Amino acid sequence: MADISDGDGTGSKFKNIRMMFESQGQASPPVSQKPKKISVTAPPKINGNSTTETPETRNRSSAGADGKSQVLRKHPVLTPTDHRANPLATVSNISTDNRLSVPESNRSSALSDISSSEDEAPIVSECDTQDQESDVGEEEHDATYEEEMTKRREETPQEKNKRRRFKIAEELYTTEEAYYSTLTLINETFRNRLKDDEGVYMFPDKTIREIFINTHELQNLHVVLRDRLKDRIENWQLRPRIGDIMKSIAPYFQLYTDYMAKFENAIKTLNEMSAKNENFSQIVKDLEADDEHCQKLKISQHMLGPVQRIPRYRMLLEQYIERLDETSPDYPDVKDSLDKVALAANKANDNITKLENFQLVSQLLSNVSGLGLTLEKQETRAPMVYIKHGKIMKMSRRNIQDRFIFLFSDVILICKIEGHGKYKCNKKIFVSDLRSIADNSDPNMTYPFELITKKSSFILGGKDEPEKRSWMAAFGRVMAGGGQATTTASPQRLGLVAPVWIPDNGVSMCMSCERTFTTIVRRHHCRACGKVYCSMCSSNKQWLAFDNKNGRVCDSCNTILSARDGLDDKTRKTRGLTNSNFFPGTKDMSEEIPDSTLTKGTIQSGSINGHILVKVGEGHYQKYWCVVRGVILHLYAGTYDKKAKKEMPLLGWNIAEPQDCDKVQDVTLTLKVGHQGLDPMFLKFQSESEKEKWYEALEKATFVD
């Protein structure tokens, strides 16, 4: 751990880095010394001509509509303040045009008229004079640039690689100088502002250590690297290589392992202190408002600099070695240093990925209310990894609801949409409780699939088939711990896993005795199988392992569960459980409902089936689940009803379009089914394509082949 003192880092594992380099004859200035701007010597002449670029040629822009020859803009050499030298610089600070322009005040001024007795002299403005001089200068620049481009086109591949290697080495130095400025901001400027007038920290030592980690050692290391690169660039003609420098520094990049491992905690501590301590928060705000130091960036963004630096070394070294011949004496050193940097870069990339995930999860959860303490405890055990989020439909007991799901590696949040990007968590499901994901054919939901969990199971639906498959695949990967999992249903033992409840509007009668539900005869769900029964057919109590308590079950599930537990009647009575023969005449259902699988309701089906709005004569439309079997049209009040409300033989009936006299709205979506002497029946569909399918099926059922 880095020493929080401002001296030479006494007590630190790397306190003698600078002394080690100085002992090798490499002088190193004090850490607090500001970097000086240096003049860069151009690479050796090629074919007797220098390839040095002037500021004017670097800033050339393409010609406008004045008819001058067009030339490409040259990129300027990077400076410590250049946005390419500093990856954290903002684009808004970069000028979009480097051409010199005449001040507006000069353009508006003009010389007085000069009178002449014979020949009147022309009026010449100062602006015109400057424009003429500018035109002459631009012509010279154009000629210089064209000459230089001609020389580059005549370069051999070896000469071109030589020039480009210098450019890469130059960029390595300029970005290193900018990076050292970032380390100085963190380790000196920010650290010093956290002290009082006597130089004592105003905050706990633990907080200081967690925020600054080992930035003091990193600064000591990079002042050496910066100065060596500076000296090498200034004397490039004498020693055109960088491999020896990077090879000597690369072993000390192990310092970054400690920094990246503790970086996430450092940002967390910084944010917590800013939220809890007003004095600390004000210091941070004042520093971030200082554009000279922070360049309109947050402290946390500058602290990301060390994490991004190692991948930058890797990128530049890879570009450098691509333009280096294997026979070059610089090649072995560059290759060795690149291998060491690559190891550190891989760790850096992993940490960047973790950081991005941490920030994304934090941002998403900040918009969700009602999480509760249970989720917080789960977060402390292992960091959540974001998988997927989006809007989805969920079938509840009474209706279909729009919900928003946040899927993470260890928890599923099913939230109510409150608007303005805010959500309220209604249900938390831990991935460890997931049992299976499977297709579902419930007609009340578009593109449905069911999610089976230990404590609650339900039907979800996507807007289309690809979205449905995408969600099923995402849930499958989570169940498999990140691997590819199959999403087929697996057999589940009754009472051990929560069933999928049949919605209330899916049945209009008891699924056992077929009594019609009314305001007096109410619906009751069996907690074991999820079917809907009347009170007489579901007045049993059995122990349900998934709910860890006794629950209401139907007669058939009661028979199975009571036979499985093997308890005598006295023990069952003591535990509040129902005997298997609680109701006289209850038949043995052990074979009818297999013990190995959860039972599901049967959806009535035929040659064609679906929800249709139906009215007879001048009555009102009612929604029915309509099924055609043979020549009979069955109208069910619920999709899971065993008995139809109406049954109509279709032989001899006429299928046609409604007439004007029928006074029917939405004629294009309606069919008229009529028979002589009977009131006509009107069927209203959701789309014209659905209407056409039903017309063909009904027309076929009106006669026998």
Foldseek 3Di string as FASTA:
>chain_A
DFDLDPDQRPPDPQSCVLVVVVVVVQDFDDLPDADDDDDFDFADDDPPHGLDDDPVQQQDPFDDPPPDHGDHHHHDQDALVDCLLPVLADPVVDDPHDDDDDDPVQVPDFDDFDDDPPDGDDGDGPVNVVVVVVVVVVVVSVVVNVVSVVVVVVDDLLVVLLNVLLSLLSSVLSSLSNLLLLLCCLSPVLSQLQADPVSHGPDDPVLSCLQCVHSSSVSSLSSSLNVVSVVCRNVCNVPVACLVSLLVSLVVCVSVVRCLVSLVVNVVSLVVCLVPPVVSVVSQVVSCVPCVRNVNDGNNSSSCSSLPVLVVVLVSLVVSLVSPDCPDPRNVSSVNSNVSSVVVNVSSVVSVQVVVQVVVVVVLVVQEPDPDPVVVVVCVVDHKGWQDKDWWWWQDQAGIDIWIWTDILFKIFTWDDPDPSHTYTDDIDTLVFWDAKAFDDPQRAARKIKTWGLQAITIMHDPDPVVSVVVLQSSQCSNVSNDGGDHHHDWDFFLRTFEYADHPQQAQAAPPPRHGDDPVFHWDAARGQRYIHTCVQWVWWDQRNSNRAIDTHGLQVLLVRQVVVPDDPVVCVVRVGAHNCNDPPRDHCCPVDPRRHRDDFDFDEAPDWHWKFKDWAPDGTDIFTWYDHQQKIFTQSHRRRPHGPDIDGQAQWDKAQDDVVSVDPPSLQKIWIGHPPGTIMIIGDDDNVVVVVVSVVSVVSHDDD
